[in-house]
Amino acid sequence: MGLLSGLLGLPLAPVRGVMWLAEQIHDHAEEQYYDPVRIRAHLERVDEARRAGEVSEEEAAELENELLQRLMVRRQQ
């Protein structure tokens, strides 16, 4: 039965490979999105942009809140 199920499942091998690849890409993207080092660097860029007048206080506060929420989610994991 193992050989038969293996042969019948063979056409699904490319789909399984694509699904595995999609999971790997998702995991890597999520790892980067919640990376504390990247978040802190982005916070510094927001602060620099605020000081340079490139973003308003409201925009900077909104960006900082979003980044801090991502940082907190990472720490809860």
Protein backbone atom coordinates (compact mmCIF):
# COMPACT_ATOMS: atom_id res chain seq x y z
CA MET A 1 0.00 0.00 0.00
CA GLY A 2 2.92 2.37 0.64
CA LEU A 3 4.15 2.10 -2.93
CA LEU A 4 0.69 2.64 -4.36
CA SER A 5 -0.04 5.69 -2.19
CA GLY A 6 3.43 7.03 -3.07
CA LEU A 7 2.75 6.70 -6.78
CA LEU A 8 -0.71 8.24 -6.48
CA GLY A 9 0.68 11.13 -4.43
CA LEU A 10 3.52 11.80 -6.86
CA PRO A 11 1.60 14.38 -8.92
CA LEU A 12 1.12 16.41 -5.71
CA ALA A 13 4.87 16.64 -5.05
CA PRO A 14 5.27 20.02 -6.83
CA VAL A 15 2.36 21.42 -4.81
CA ARG A 16 3.97 20.22 -1.58
CA GLY A 17 7.25 21.81 -2.66
CA VAL A 18 5.59 25.13 -3.39
CA MET A 19 3.74 25.03 -0.06
CA TRP A 20 7.00 24.30 1.79
CA LEU A 21 8.70 27.19 0.00
CA ALA A 22 5.81 29.55 0.80
CA GLU A 23 6.03 28.58 4.49
CA GLN A 24 9.78 29.24 4.50
CA ILE A 25 9.32 32.66 2.89
CA HIS A 26 6.53 33.52 5.34
CA ASP A 27 8.62 32.49 8.34
CA HIS A 28 11.60 34.52 7.12
CA ALA A 29 9.48 37.60 6.41
CA GLU A 30 7.83 37.37 9.83
CA GLU A 31 11.22 36.98 11.50
CA GLN A 32 12.45 40.17 9.82
CA TYR A 33 9.21 42.06 10.52
CA TYR A 34 9.46 41.39 14.27
CA ASP A 35 13.27 41.63 14.53
CA PRO A 36 14.05 43.92 17.50
CA VAL A 37 17.23 45.24 15.88
CA ARG A 38 15.36 46.26 12.72
CA ILE A 39 12.56 47.81 14.76
CA ARG A 40 14.99 49.88 16.83
CA ALA A 41 16.78 51.03 13.69
CA HIS A 42 13.46 52.06 12.18
CA LEU A 43 12.58 53.94 15.37
CA GLU A 44 15.86 55.84 15.07
CA ARG A 45 15.09 56.72 11.43
CA VAL A 46 11.65 57.98 12.43
CA ASP A 47 13.21 60.14 15.14
CA GLU A 48 15.77 61.54 12.69
CA ALA A 49 13.02 62.28 10.16
CA ARG A 50 11.03 64.08 12.84
CA ARG A 51 14.01 66.21 13.84
CA ALA A 52 14.72 67.01 10.18
CA GLY A 53 11.11 68.04 9.65
CA GLU A 54 10.45 65.32 7.08
CA VAL A 55 7.46 63.98 9.05
CA SER A 56 5.05 65.71 11.38
CA GLU A 57 4.82 64.99 15.09
CA GLU A 58 1.55 63.11 14.54
CA GLU A 59 3.00 60.95 11.76
CA ALA A 60 6.08 60.19 13.84
CA ALA A 61 3.98 59.27 16.87
CA GLU A 62 1.82 56.98 14.75
CA LEU A 63 4.87 55.25 13.25
CA GLU A 64 6.49 54.88 16.66
CA ASN A 65 3.33 53.35 18.13
CA GLU A 66 3.15 50.84 15.30
CA LEU A 67 6.81 49.91 15.73
CA LEU A 68 6.49 49.59 19.49
CA GLN A 69 3.47 47.32 19.06
CA ARG A 70 5.53 45.07 16.78
CA LEU A 71 8.30 45.03 19.38
CA MET A 72 5.83 44.06 22.11
CA VAL A 73 4.37 41.26 19.97
CA ARG A 74 7.87 39.87 19.50
CA ARG A 75 8.51 39.87 23.24
CA GLN A 76 5.24 38.02 23.90
CA GLN A 77 6.19 35.20 21.54
